[in-house]
Amino acid sequence: MLVQLSIRDLVLIERVALDLSAGLTVLTGETGAGKSILLDGLGLALGERADAAMVRKGAAQASTIAQFRVDGSHPAIALLEQNDLPPDEPGVIVLRRTLKADGGSRAFVNDQPVSAGLLRQLGGLLVEVHGQHDERGLLNPRGHMALLDSFAGHAPLVADATAAFARWRAAAEARESAEARAQSDARDREWLDHAAAELAALNPQPGEEADLAQTRANMQKGARLAESLDTIDTLVSSAEGALSQLRQAARRLERVADADDALQSALDALDRALVEGDTVEANLASVRARFLVSPAALEEAESRLFALRAMARKHRVEVEALPALAGDLADRLAALDSAVHGIGALKVAEAEALAAAQAMAATLSKARKAAAVRLDAAVNAELPALKLEAARFRTAITETALGETGRDQVRFEVATNAGTDFGALTRIASGGEMSRFVLALKVALASSGTAGTLIFDEIDRGVGGATASAIGARLAKVAQGAQVLVVTHSPQVAAAGAGHLRISKASGVTDIEVLDRAARTTEIARMLSGADITAEARAQAEKLLSASG
């Protein structure tokens, strides 16, 4: 609820600081004293449109601060958490707005700068304003379904309907996705068949490109070495080559080595040279085995490598991706072949989910229609006492497309006279009638809605006597479950308040005074008799206050 309201330099208000309590608080005062300015100040703090003309003449800026206290489960707390604006004190929300005389305004929540849009969101969760021309809150058809569901306690049914709708949409999207892919693949069937067969025939293997590239490089290197290796082989291993000559020399030297020690040493050195020569021959053979291949083998390796690279370019992928692509195309062909069966199963699942969602929506619709009967009876029971004897109220429920909250469209409608057609409250009712319909609705709905503070602006205009007393009694009843502030010209309504604020103007400045019992008697007597307060008016004021408890 709203616990404090501070306004400074706003139109006729120089400085006001109010502590507010729960229950029904009435605001009274002569016409032009500034009652609407007080509400404008609160509206500014709630994010309403700012106008530089609202700044008091001679002041640099106007400011308003509204402090609220809510419990931890209030939706406003969740909104603050979503925007990283935790309260400095648990459950306390402070809204502040400044408005400069030369234009421009700033908004703050818990002393943190925010947008006016966020301020409006928070304000809508904390306060409901019902005036003669107000078209928000209870008068907005977009919120009527939620109000009916809250009145009837339909939260579990709505949650079940929302979950069933989500399952149906998920099943429908799965079927639609499968059909779209199947249609796309069907259009490409000829290409798929050809591409898959081509890749299957090529049979690319992981790592194959790197292996072929290395083999090809080795073969090309061997081709460049071929002439040199042949010449070296002739010099080393041919019949006239160095090793053949050394071996002949070793055989001849072996026959005479015994003749002298030096010859034996020469033979030993020659044997060592032959061992090294064998190493030369082995290394040459190894190189030849690795690098010297036939032209046919080089052509085969190059053809395979070029075929892989051409296939990769064709499909705009890397060569290494070809094996995965071949598998994907094969899978798509298999999926296409089984698509009819798969889509059929998805259609069955979708139909089952739709049937479940429709059944849940039907259950919710039945419950809403039963709740509408109870709500209509409760509201219509309030109308006669509010001087709306010929008026009728109904909750119109029409079927619409299946959605997250079922298949119903809910709208509150009224007929103000016997024999007239029902229509939207904002279109059918006059200003005074509209406010009284809203009050009847609030009484019937009791604690429905998140706002803990309700404001009624001149709800009693055009009525008096017993009707005004009935309005006061009903405002007091609503105030049992919420904080209610009402601007009134009716002494009967003023007497029903638990708290009373008198708004007056002196020397062009608006002042607000909290009234005690004696001052309330005087103010209500003034409302009864005018400027000249009579003894009879005082007695009647006392009687009204006593009757209201």
Protein backbone atom coordinates (compact mmCIF):
# COMPACT_ATOMS: atom_id res chain seq x y z
CA MET A 1 0.00 0.00 0.00
CA LEU A 2 0.95 3.68 -0.30
CA VAL A 3 2.49 4.72 3.03
CA GLN A 4 3.98 8.12 2.21
CA LEU A 5 3.41 10.77 -0.44
CA SER A 6 5.57 13.89 -0.75
CA ILE A 7 4.92 16.63 -3.29
CA ARG A 8 6.91 19.80 -3.81
CA ASP A 9 6.34 22.78 -6.12
CA LEU A 10 3.60 21.19 -8.18
CA VAL A 11 1.01 23.67 -9.57
CA LEU A 12 -0.53 25.14 -6.39
CA ILE A 13 1.21 22.82 -3.94
CA GLU A 14 4.32 24.31 -2.36
CA ARG A 15 5.22 21.41 -0.09
CA VAL A 16 3.13 18.51 1.20
CA ALA A 17 4.19 15.36 3.06
CA LEU A 18 1.51 12.81 3.94
CA ASP A 19 1.62 9.59 5.93
CA LEU A 20 -1.15 7.28 4.74
CA SER A 21 -2.64 4.21 6.37
CA ALA A 22 -4.68 1.19 5.33
CA GLY A 23 -8.44 1.29 4.97
CA LEU A 24 -10.57 4.05 3.46
CA THR A 25 -9.16 7.58 3.36
CA VAL A 26 -11.38 10.38 2.03
CA LEU A 27 -10.19 13.62 0.47
CA THR A 28 -12.56 16.58 0.68
CA GLY A 29 -12.42 20.31 0.03
CA GLU A 30 -14.11 23.07 -1.84
CA THR A 31 -14.11 23.08 -5.62
CA GLY A 32 -10.81 24.45 -6.92
CA ALA A 33 -8.94 23.77 -3.70
CA GLY A 34 -6.57 21.34 -5.47
CA LYS A 35 -7.90 17.84 -4.89
CA SER A 36 -7.12 16.86 -8.48
CA ILE A 37 -3.62 18.34 -8.13
CA LEU A 38 -2.90 15.88 -5.34
CA LEU A 39 -3.88 13.00 -7.62
CA ASP A 40 -1.86 14.53 -10.45
CA GLY A 41 1.14 14.55 -8.15
CA LEU A 42 0.68 10.88 -7.35
CA GLY A 43 0.17 10.15 -11.05
CA LEU A 44 3.47 11.85 -11.83
CA ALA A 45 5.24 9.51 -9.40
CA LEU A 46 3.46 6.58 -11.05
CA GLY A 47 4.88 7.45 -14.46
CA GLU A 48 2.02 9.43 -15.97
CA ARG A 49 2.75 11.96 -18.71
CA ALA A 50 4.69 14.98 -17.45
CA ASP A 51 4.00 18.58 -18.49
CA ALA A 52 6.37 21.43 -17.62
CA ALA A 53 3.33 23.65 -16.96
CA MET A 54 2.75 21.59 -13.80
CA VAL A 55 5.81 23.15 -12.13
CA ARG A 56 4.75 25.82 -9.62
CA LYS A 57 5.35 29.33 -10.87
CA GLY A 58 8.74 30.60 -9.76
CA ALA A 59 10.13 27.14 -8.93
CA ALA A 60 12.96 25.47 -10.87
CA GLN A 61 11.44 22.02 -10.70
CA ALA A 62 8.64 19.96 -9.18
CA SER A 63 9.14 16.62 -7.46
CA THR A 64 6.96 13.82 -6.15
CA ILE A 65 7.91 10.81 -4.03
CA ALA A 66 5.60 7.87 -3.39
CA GLN A 67 6.68 5.17 -0.96
CA PHE A 68 4.93 1.80 -0.96
CA ARG A 69 5.13 -1.23 1.26
CA VAL A 70 4.36 -4.66 -0.26
CA ASP A 71 4.96 -8.29 0.63
CA GLY A 72 7.71 -10.34 -0.97
CA SER A 73 5.37 -12.16 -3.38
CA HIS A 74 4.00 -8.98 -4.96
CA PRO A 75 4.52 -8.83 -8.76
CA ALA A 76 6.21 -5.44 -8.38
CA ILE A 77 9.07 -7.14 -6.48
CA ALA A 78 9.57 -9.59 -9.34
CA LEU A 79 9.63 -6.68 -11.82
CA LEU A 80 12.25 -4.91 -9.72
CA GLU A 81 14.40 -8.05 -9.61
CA GLN A 82 14.17 -8.42 -13.39
CA ASN A 83 15.55 -4.90 -13.72
CA ASP A 84 18.24 -5.23 -11.01
CA LEU A 85 16.51 -2.75 -8.69
CA PRO A 86 16.32 -4.54 -5.34
CA PRO A 87 14.69 -2.56 -2.47
CA ASP A 88 17.05 -1.00 0.05
CA GLU A 89 14.62 -2.22 2.71
CA PRO A 90 12.66 -5.46 2.24
CA GLY A 91 9.18 -4.78 0.88
CA VAL A 92 9.70 -1.03 0.46
CA ILE A 93 9.42 0.52 -3.01
CA VAL A 94 10.15 4.22 -3.50
CA LEU A 95 9.06 5.91 -6.75
CA ARG A 96 10.38 9.41 -7.43
CA ARG A 97 9.88 11.82 -10.31
CA THR A 98 11.31 15.26 -10.96
CA LEU A 99 9.95 17.70 -13.52
CA LYS A 100 11.92 20.76 -14.67
CA ALA A 101 10.27 24.07 -15.42
CA ASP A 102 12.12 24.31 -18.74
CA GLY A 103 11.00 20.81 -19.77
CA GLY A 104 12.31 17.31 -19.17
CA SER A 105 11.74 14.89 -16.35
CA ARG A 106 13.65 12.15 -14.57
CA ALA A 107 12.34 8.97 -12.97
CA PHE A 108 13.85 6.99 -10.08
CA VAL A 109 13.04 3.73 -8.35
CA ASN A 110 14.76 3.10 -5.03
CA ASP A 111 17.01 6.06 -5.90
CA GLN A 112 18.15 4.40 -9.14
CA PRO A 113 17.40 6.22 -12.43
CA VAL A 114 14.88 4.37 -14.63
CA SER A 115 12.77 5.03 -17.70
CA ALA A 116 9.31 6.54 -17.43
CA GLY A 117 8.04 3.33 -19.05
CA LEU A 118 9.33 1.17 -16.19
CA LEU A 119 7.86 3.65 -13.71
CA ARG A 120 4.47 3.25 -15.43
CA GLN A 121 4.76 -0.54 -15.25
CA LEU A 122 5.43 -0.44 -11.53
CA GLY A 123 2.71 2.16 -10.98
CA GLY A 124 0.16 -0.03 -12.73
CA LEU A 125 1.02 -2.91 -10.38
CA LEU A 126 0.82 -0.77 -7.25
CA VAL A 127 -2.13 1.58 -7.83
CA GLU A 128 -5.48 1.45 -9.65
CA VAL A 129 -7.07 4.79 -10.46
CA HIS A 130 -10.80 4.88 -11.23
CA GLY A 131 -12.13 8.19 -12.42
CA GLN A 132 -15.15 9.24 -14.41
CA HIS A 133 -13.26 8.94 -17.69
CA ASP A 134 -10.75 6.30 -16.77
CA GLU A 135 -10.51 3.46 -19.30
CA ARG A 136 -7.86 1.36 -17.59
CA GLY A 137 -7.94 -1.25 -14.87
CA LEU A 138 -11.38 -2.83 -14.57
CA LEU A 139 -12.59 -1.03 -17.68
CA ASN A 140 -9.99 -2.51 -20.03
CA PRO A 141 -11.46 -5.60 -21.76
CA ARG A 142 -7.99 -7.10 -22.12
CA GLY A 143 -7.94 -7.67 -18.38
CA HIS A 144 -11.47 -9.00 -17.92
CA MET A 145 -10.55 -12.66 -18.40
CA ALA A 146 -7.83 -12.44 -15.76
CA LEU A 147 -10.24 -10.75 -13.35
CA LEU A 148 -12.87 -13.46 -13.87
CA ASP A 149 -10.27 -16.20 -13.37
CA SER A 150 -8.97 -14.50 -10.24
CA PHE A 151 -12.52 -14.15 -8.89
CA ALA A 152 -13.13 -17.89 -9.44
CA GLY A 153 -9.68 -19.15 -8.39
CA HIS A 154 -8.96 -20.62 -11.82
CA ALA A 155 -5.15 -20.38 -11.60
CA PRO A 156 -4.59 -24.19 -11.65
CA LEU A 157 -6.99 -24.64 -14.59
CA VAL A 158 -5.37 -21.81 -16.51
CA ALA A 159 -1.91 -23.29 -15.87
CA ASP A 160 -3.09 -26.69 -17.16
CA ALA A 161 -4.64 -25.08 -20.25
CA THR A 162 -1.45 -23.13 -20.94
CA ALA A 163 0.68 -26.28 -20.63
CA ALA A 164 -1.65 -28.27 -22.91
CA PHE A 165 -1.58 -25.48 -25.50
CA ALA A 166 2.23 -25.40 -25.38
CA ARG A 167 2.39 -29.19 -25.94
CA TRP A 168 0.08 -28.91 -28.94
CA ARG A 169 2.10 -26.06 -30.47
CA ALA A 170 5.32 -28.03 -29.96
CA ALA A 171 3.78 -31.07 -31.68
CA ALA A 172 2.49 -28.90 -34.53
CA GLU A 173 5.90 -27.29 -35.01
CA ALA A 174 7.59 -30.72 -35.08
CA ARG A 175 5.15 -31.89 -37.77
CA GLU A 176 5.53 -28.67 -39.77
CA SER A 177 9.32 -28.91 -39.61
CA ALA A 178 9.28 -32.53 -40.77
CA GLU A 179 6.92 -31.72 -43.64
CA ALA A 180 9.02 -28.75 -44.74
CA ARG A 181 12.17 -30.86 -44.80
CA ALA A 182 10.45 -33.69 -46.60
CA GLN A 183 9.10 -31.29 -49.22
CA SER A 184 12.52 -29.73 -49.69
CA ASP A 185 14.18 -33.15 -49.98
CA ALA A 186 11.48 -34.37 -52.35
CA ARG A 187 12.18 -31.43 -54.68
CA ASP A 188 15.86 -32.36 -54.57
CA ARG A 189 15.38 -36.14 -54.85
CA GLU A 190 17.02 -36.45 -58.25
CA TRP A 191 20.00 -34.42 -57.09
CA LEU A 192 20.18 -36.37 -53.83
CA ASP A 193 20.21 -39.70 -55.65
CA HIS A 194 22.97 -38.56 -58.01
CA ALA A 195 25.09 -36.86 -55.33
CA ALA A 196 24.81 -39.76 -52.90
CA ALA A 197 25.70 -42.32 -55.61
CA GLU A 198 28.62 -40.19 -56.78
CA LEU A 199 30.02 -39.90 -53.27
CA ALA A 200 29.43 -43.57 -52.57
CA ALA A 201 31.38 -44.49 -55.72
CA LEU A 202 34.22 -42.15 -54.77
CA ASN A 203 34.18 -43.48 -51.19
CA PRO A 204 36.30 -40.73 -49.60
CA GLN A 205 38.15 -41.74 -46.45
CA PRO A 206 39.15 -39.61 -43.45
CA GLY A 207 42.74 -38.33 -43.83
CA GLU A 208 42.98 -39.55 -47.41
CA GLU A 209 43.81 -36.17 -48.95
CA ALA A 210 46.85 -35.67 -46.71
CA ASP A 211 48.15 -39.18 -47.44
CA LEU A 212 47.72 -38.78 -51.20
CA ALA A 213 49.32 -35.35 -51.19
CA GLN A 214 52.39 -36.73 -49.38
CA THR A 215 52.62 -39.73 -51.71
CA ARG A 216 52.37 -37.47 -54.76
CA ALA A 217 55.06 -35.15 -53.39
CA ASN A 218 57.37 -38.14 -52.80
CA MET A 219 56.76 -39.44 -56.30
CA GLN A 220 57.49 -36.04 -57.86
CA LYS A 221 60.64 -35.76 -55.78
CA GLY A 222 61.69 -39.23 -56.91
CA ALA A 223 61.18 -38.27 -60.54
CA ARG A 224 63.59 -35.38 -60.10
CA LEU A 225 66.15 -37.74 -58.45
CA ALA A 226 65.89 -40.46 -61.07
CA GLU A 227 68.75 -39.28 -63.40
CA SER A 228 71.15 -38.69 -60.55
CA LEU A 229 70.36 -42.07 -58.96
CA ASP A 230 70.90 -43.88 -62.24
CA THR A 231 74.32 -42.24 -62.74
CA ILE A 232 75.32 -42.96 -59.15
CA ASP A 233 74.15 -46.58 -59.49
CA THR A 234 76.30 -46.99 -62.63
CA LEU A 235 79.37 -45.56 -60.91
CA VAL A 236 78.91 -47.65 -57.79
CA SER A 237 77.28 -50.97 -58.67
CA SER A 238 77.74 -51.65 -62.40
CA ALA A 239 80.23 -54.22 -63.72
CA GLU A 240 82.69 -51.42 -64.30
CA GLY A 241 81.69 -49.55 -61.14
CA ALA A 242 83.78 -48.72 -58.13
CA LEU A 243 82.55 -51.55 -55.93
CA SER A 244 83.16 -54.14 -58.64
CA GLN A 245 86.72 -52.88 -59.09
CA LEU A 246 87.30 -52.91 -55.33
CA ARG A 247 86.05 -56.47 -55.04
CA GLN A 248 88.40 -57.64 -57.84
CA ALA A 249 91.28 -55.86 -56.15
CA ALA A 250 90.44 -57.51 -52.82
CA ARG A 251 90.47 -61.01 -54.41
CA ARG A 252 93.90 -60.44 -56.01
CA LEU A 253 95.35 -58.88 -52.84
CA GLU A 254 94.11 -61.80 -50.76
CA ARG A 255 96.42 -64.15 -52.73
CA VAL A 256 99.56 -62.25 -51.84
CA ALA A 257 98.73 -60.74 -48.43
CA ASP A 258 100.78 -63.34 -46.59
CA ALA A 259 103.94 -62.09 -48.29
CA ASP A 260 104.11 -58.92 -46.18
CA ASP A 261 102.38 -57.32 -43.18
CA ALA A 262 101.76 -54.12 -45.12
CA LEU A 263 99.85 -56.10 -47.75
CA GLN A 264 97.71 -57.60 -44.99
CA SER A 265 96.95 -54.10 -43.66
CA ALA A 266 96.02 -52.98 -47.15
CA LEU A 267 93.66 -55.96 -47.46
CA ASP A 268 92.00 -55.08 -44.14
CA ALA A 269 91.46 -51.49 -45.26
CA LEU A 270 90.03 -52.73 -48.54
CA ASP A 271 87.58 -54.97 -46.66
CA ARG A 272 86.44 -52.02 -44.61
CA ALA A 273 85.91 -49.99 -47.75
CA LEU A 274 83.79 -52.80 -49.17
CA VAL A 275 81.62 -52.82 -46.02
CA GLU A 276 81.04 -49.07 -46.43
CA GLY A 277 80.36 -49.63 -50.09
CA ASP A 278 77.65 -52.14 -49.19
CA THR A 279 76.08 -49.43 -46.99
CA VAL A 280 76.14 -47.05 -49.94
CA GLU A 281 74.37 -49.62 -52.12
CA ALA A 282 71.73 -50.31 -49.41
CA ASN A 283 71.00 -46.58 -48.94
CA LEU A 284 70.72 -46.05 -52.68
CA ALA A 285 68.30 -48.98 -52.90
CA SER A 286 66.23 -47.59 -50.03
CA VAL A 287 65.94 -44.18 -51.68
CA ARG A 288 65.03 -45.78 -54.98
CA ALA A 289 62.30 -47.85 -53.27
CA ARG A 290 60.80 -44.75 -51.66
CA PHE A 291 61.02 -42.25 -54.44
CA LEU A 292 61.28 -44.04 -57.71
CA VAL A 293 57.85 -45.25 -58.85
CA SER A 294 56.30 -45.87 -62.18
CA PRO A 295 54.61 -43.02 -64.08
CA ALA A 296 51.40 -45.05 -63.89
CA ALA A 297 51.47 -45.04 -60.09
CA LEU A 298 52.05 -41.25 -60.02
CA GLU A 299 49.17 -40.74 -62.44
CA GLU A 300 46.89 -42.92 -60.32
CA ALA A 301 47.69 -41.00 -57.11
CA GLU A 302 47.22 -37.65 -58.84
CA SER A 303 43.92 -38.72 -60.39
CA ARG A 304 42.56 -39.82 -57.01
CA LEU A 305 43.69 -36.60 -55.31
CA PHE A 306 42.25 -34.41 -58.07
CA ALA A 307 38.95 -36.32 -57.99
CA LEU A 308 38.60 -35.75 -54.23
CA ARG A 309 39.36 -32.04 -54.56
CA ALA A 310 36.96 -31.61 -57.48
CA MET A 311 34.19 -33.29 -55.46
CA ALA A 312 34.89 -31.00 -52.50
CA ARG A 313 34.68 -27.90 -54.73
CA LYS A 314 31.44 -29.17 -56.22
CA HIS A 315 29.82 -29.40 -52.80
CA ARG A 316 31.62 -26.32 -51.42
CA VAL A 317 33.23 -28.16 -48.55
CA GLU A 318 36.73 -29.16 -47.52
CA VAL A 319 37.99 -32.56 -48.70
CA GLU A 320 38.04 -33.74 -45.08
CA ALA A 321 34.27 -33.06 -44.89
CA LEU A 322 33.42 -35.38 -47.78
CA PRO A 323 32.99 -38.57 -45.68
CA ALA A 324 30.55 -36.75 -43.34
CA LEU A 325 28.72 -35.28 -46.34
CA ALA A 326 28.35 -38.74 -47.85
CA GLY A 327 26.83 -39.96 -44.59
CA ASP A 328 24.48 -36.96 -44.38
CA LEU A 329 23.20 -37.46 -47.93
CA ALA A 330 22.64 -41.12 -47.26
CA ASP A 331 20.72 -40.22 -44.09
CA ARG A 332 18.58 -37.71 -45.99
CA LEU A 333 17.70 -40.31 -48.57
CA ALA A 334 16.80 -42.77 -45.83
CA ALA A 335 14.74 -40.11 -44.05
CA LEU A 336 12.99 -39.25 -47.29
CA ASP A 337 12.14 -42.89 -47.83
CA SER A 338 10.67 -43.11 -44.34
CA ALA A 339 9.22 -39.59 -44.31
CA VAL A 340 5.64 -40.68 -44.98
CA HIS A 341 5.66 -42.97 -41.97
CA GLY A 342 7.44 -40.39 -39.76
CA ILE A 343 5.12 -37.52 -40.68
CA GLY A 344 2.15 -39.78 -40.12
CA ALA A 345 3.30 -40.46 -36.56
CA LEU A 346 3.88 -36.75 -35.98
CA LYS A 347 0.37 -35.99 -37.25
CA VAL A 348 -1.07 -38.51 -34.82
CA ALA A 349 0.89 -36.94 -31.95
CA GLU A 350 -0.27 -33.46 -33.00
CA ALA A 351 -3.90 -34.54 -33.19
CA GLU A 352 -3.70 -36.10 -29.74
CA ALA A 353 -2.10 -32.95 -28.30
CA LEU A 354 -4.73 -30.75 -29.95
CA ALA A 355 -7.54 -32.90 -28.59
CA ALA A 356 -6.04 -32.65 -25.10
CA ALA A 357 -5.67 -28.86 -25.40
CA GLN A 358 -9.24 -28.50 -26.66
CA ALA A 359 -10.54 -30.68 -23.84
CA MET A 360 -8.65 -28.60 -21.28
CA ALA A 361 -9.96 -25.39 -22.88
CA ALA A 362 -13.50 -26.78 -22.77
CA THR A 363 -13.12 -27.57 -19.07
CA LEU A 364 -11.81 -24.06 -18.41
CA SER A 365 -14.59 -22.52 -20.52
CA LYS A 366 -17.24 -24.42 -18.57
CA ALA A 367 -15.72 -23.24 -15.30
CA ARG A 368 -15.60 -19.65 -16.56
CA LYS A 369 -19.24 -19.69 -17.58
CA ALA A 370 -20.22 -20.97 -14.14
CA ALA A 371 -18.06 -18.30 -12.51
CA ALA A 372 -19.59 -15.64 -14.78
CA VAL A 373 -23.04 -16.50 -13.44
CA ARG A 374 -21.81 -15.99 -9.88
CA LEU A 375 -20.01 -12.76 -10.72
CA ASP A 376 -23.03 -11.36 -12.58
CA ALA A 377 -25.28 -12.12 -9.62
CA ALA A 378 -22.84 -10.47 -7.21
CA VAL A 379 -22.49 -7.30 -9.29
CA ASN A 380 -26.21 -7.01 -10.09
CA ALA A 381 -26.99 -7.34 -6.39
CA GLU A 382 -24.95 -4.19 -5.78
CA LEU A 383 -26.54 -2.02 -8.46
CA PRO A 384 -29.92 -1.04 -6.92
CA ALA A 385 -28.33 0.50 -3.84
CA LEU A 386 -26.03 2.50 -6.12
CA LYS A 387 -29.02 4.13 -7.85
CA LEU A 388 -28.68 1.84 -10.85
CA GLU A 389 -31.98 0.02 -10.34
CA ALA A 390 -32.70 -0.41 -14.06
CA ALA A 391 -29.14 -1.32 -14.99
CA ARG A 392 -27.90 -4.81 -15.66
CA PHE A 393 -24.41 -6.28 -15.75
CA ARG A 394 -23.22 -9.40 -17.52
CA THR A 395 -20.01 -11.20 -18.27
CA ALA A 396 -20.06 -12.01 -21.99
CA ILE A 397 -18.03 -15.08 -22.95
CA THR A 398 -17.56 -15.82 -26.64
CA GLU A 399 -15.52 -18.53 -28.30
CA THR A 400 -12.37 -17.54 -30.14
CA ALA A 401 -9.30 -19.28 -31.49
CA LEU A 402 -7.54 -21.66 -29.12
CA GLY A 403 -4.77 -19.86 -27.25
CA GLU A 404 -2.58 -20.05 -24.17
CA THR A 405 -5.49 -19.24 -21.86
CA GLY A 406 -8.12 -21.37 -23.57
CA ARG A 407 -10.61 -20.49 -26.26
CA ASP A 408 -12.63 -17.77 -24.50
CA GLN A 409 -12.95 -14.05 -24.98
CA VAL A 410 -14.31 -12.36 -21.85
CA ARG A 411 -15.84 -8.89 -21.72
CA PHE A 412 -17.81 -7.09 -19.03
CA GLU A 413 -20.95 -5.47 -20.48
CA VAL A 414 -23.78 -3.34 -19.11
CA ALA A 415 -27.24 -2.19 -20.07
CA THR A 416 -28.24 0.98 -18.24
CA ASN A 417 -31.98 0.79 -18.86
CA ALA A 418 -34.58 -1.93 -19.29
CA GLY A 419 -34.96 -2.97 -22.89
CA THR A 420 -31.64 -1.53 -24.04
CA ASP A 421 -28.87 -3.63 -25.50
CA PHE A 422 -25.77 -4.62 -23.62
CA GLY A 423 -22.53 -2.93 -24.56
CA ALA A 424 -19.06 -2.10 -23.31
CA LEU A 425 -19.08 -0.18 -20.05
CA THR A 426 -16.99 2.66 -21.46
CA ARG A 427 -19.43 3.09 -24.37
CA ILE A 428 -22.77 2.65 -22.61
CA ALA A 429 -22.40 4.24 -19.17
CA SER A 430 -22.13 7.93 -18.32
CA GLY A 431 -19.29 9.19 -16.14
CA GLY A 432 -21.14 8.82 -12.83
CA GLU A 433 -22.66 5.49 -13.82
CA MET A 434 -19.28 4.18 -14.91
CA SER A 435 -17.70 4.92 -11.54
CA ARG A 436 -20.55 3.20 -9.71
CA PHE A 437 -20.35 0.16 -11.97
CA VAL A 438 -16.63 0.01 -11.21
CA LEU A 439 -17.38 0.16 -7.50
CA ALA A 440 -19.93 -2.64 -7.80
CA LEU A 441 -17.37 -4.70 -9.68
CA LYS A 442 -14.70 -4.02 -7.07
CA VAL A 443 -17.04 -5.11 -4.29
CA ALA A 444 -17.85 -8.34 -6.16
CA LEU A 445 -14.25 -9.03 -7.11
CA ALA A 446 -13.05 -8.21 -3.60
CA SER A 447 -9.29 -8.88 -3.56
CA SER A 448 -8.87 -9.57 -7.28
CA GLY A 449 -6.02 -7.63 -8.84
CA THR A 450 -2.48 -6.91 -7.74
CA ALA A 451 -2.78 -3.24 -6.82
CA GLY A 452 -2.96 -2.72 -3.07
CA THR A 453 -4.02 0.92 -3.45
CA LEU A 454 -7.27 1.95 -5.17
CA ILE A 455 -8.18 5.54 -5.97
CA PHE A 456 -11.73 6.65 -6.81
CA ASP A 457 -12.07 10.17 -8.14
CA GLU A 458 -15.53 11.71 -7.49
CA ILE A 459 -17.32 8.40 -7.76
CA ASP A 460 -20.35 9.97 -6.04
CA ARG A 461 -20.96 12.81 -8.49
CA GLY A 462 -24.63 13.29 -9.23
CA VAL A 463 -25.95 11.17 -6.36
CA GLY A 464 -26.84 11.84 -2.74
CA GLY A 465 -28.81 10.59 0.22
CA ALA A 466 -29.19 6.83 0.48
CA THR A 467 -27.20 6.23 -2.72
CA ALA A 468 -24.25 8.19 -1.41
CA SER A 469 -24.46 6.26 1.86
CA ALA A 470 -24.46 3.00 -0.09
CA ILE A 471 -21.40 4.15 -2.02
CA GLY A 472 -19.63 4.97 1.23
CA ALA A 473 -20.51 1.59 2.72
CA ARG A 474 -19.23 -0.24 -0.33
CA LEU A 475 -16.02 1.75 -0.43
CA ALA A 476 -15.47 0.82 3.19
CA LYS A 477 -16.10 -2.82 2.30
CA VAL A 478 -13.54 -2.72 -0.51
CA ALA A 479 -11.12 -1.04 1.90
CA GLN A 480 -11.19 -4.11 4.13
CA GLY A 481 -8.96 -5.86 1.57
CA ALA A 482 -7.11 -2.89 0.07
CA GLN A 483 -6.09 0.68 0.73
CA VAL A 484 -8.71 3.00 -0.78
CA LEU A 485 -8.43 6.74 -1.38
CA VAL A 486 -11.52 8.58 -2.61
CA VAL A 487 -12.01 12.18 -3.67
CA THR A 488 -15.56 13.07 -2.70
CA HIS A 489 -18.08 15.90 -2.43
CA SER A 490 -20.54 13.70 -0.56
CA PRO A 491 -20.84 14.02 3.24
CA GLN A 492 -22.17 10.45 3.42
CA VAL A 493 -19.07 9.11 1.65
CA ALA A 494 -16.77 11.35 3.70
CA ALA A 495 -18.28 9.97 6.90
CA ALA A 496 -17.47 6.41 5.84
CA GLY A 497 -13.71 7.04 5.84
CA ALA A 498 -11.33 5.74 8.44
CA GLY A 499 -9.04 8.65 7.63
CA HIS A 500 -9.88 12.14 6.37
CA LEU A 501 -7.76 14.69 4.50
CA ARG A 502 -9.06 18.22 3.90
CA ILE A 503 -7.64 20.10 0.96
CA SER A 504 -7.86 23.88 1.04
CA LYS A 505 -6.36 26.85 -0.77
CA ALA A 506 -5.16 30.09 0.78
CA SER A 507 -3.22 32.85 -0.95
CA GLY A 508 -3.02 30.73 -4.06
CA VAL A 509 -1.33 27.80 -2.29
CA THR A 510 -2.91 24.41 -1.68
CA ASP A 511 -2.67 22.96 1.81
CA ILE A 512 -3.59 19.49 3.07
CA GLU A 513 -4.65 18.83 6.65
CA VAL A 514 -5.22 15.52 8.43
CA LEU A 515 -8.51 15.86 10.35
CA ASP A 516 -9.30 14.52 13.79
CA ARG A 517 -12.86 13.65 14.88
CA ALA A 518 -13.82 17.20 15.78
CA ALA A 519 -12.41 18.65 12.59
CA ARG A 520 -14.14 15.92 10.60
CA THR A 521 -17.45 16.90 12.15
CA THR A 522 -16.91 20.49 11.09
CA GLU A 523 -15.85 19.53 7.55
CA ILE A 524 -18.81 17.19 7.02
CA ALA A 525 -21.14 19.84 8.43
CA ARG A 526 -19.69 22.29 5.86
CA MET A 527 -20.35 19.75 3.13
CA LEU A 528 -23.95 19.47 4.34
CA SER A 529 -24.80 23.16 4.78
CA GLY A 530 -22.18 25.18 2.96
CA ALA A 531 -20.12 28.08 4.33
CA ASP A 532 -22.60 28.83 7.15
CA ILE A 533 -22.40 25.79 9.38
CA THR A 534 -25.59 25.34 11.37
CA ALA A 535 -26.21 23.40 14.53
CA GLU A 536 -28.45 21.10 12.57
CA ALA A 537 -25.62 20.43 10.11
CA ARG A 538 -23.25 19.61 12.97
CA ALA A 539 -25.79 17.27 14.49
CA GLN A 540 -26.31 15.54 11.15
CA ALA A 541 -22.53 15.29 10.68
CA GLU A 542 -22.17 13.64 14.09
CA LYS A 543 -24.98 11.27 13.20
CA LEU A 544 -23.27 10.28 9.92
CA LEU A 545 -19.93 9.71 11.65
CA SER A 546 -21.52 7.66 14.41
CA ALA A 547 -23.45 5.57 11.91
CA SER A 548 -20.21 4.82 10.04
CA GLY A 549 -18.55 3.66 13.22
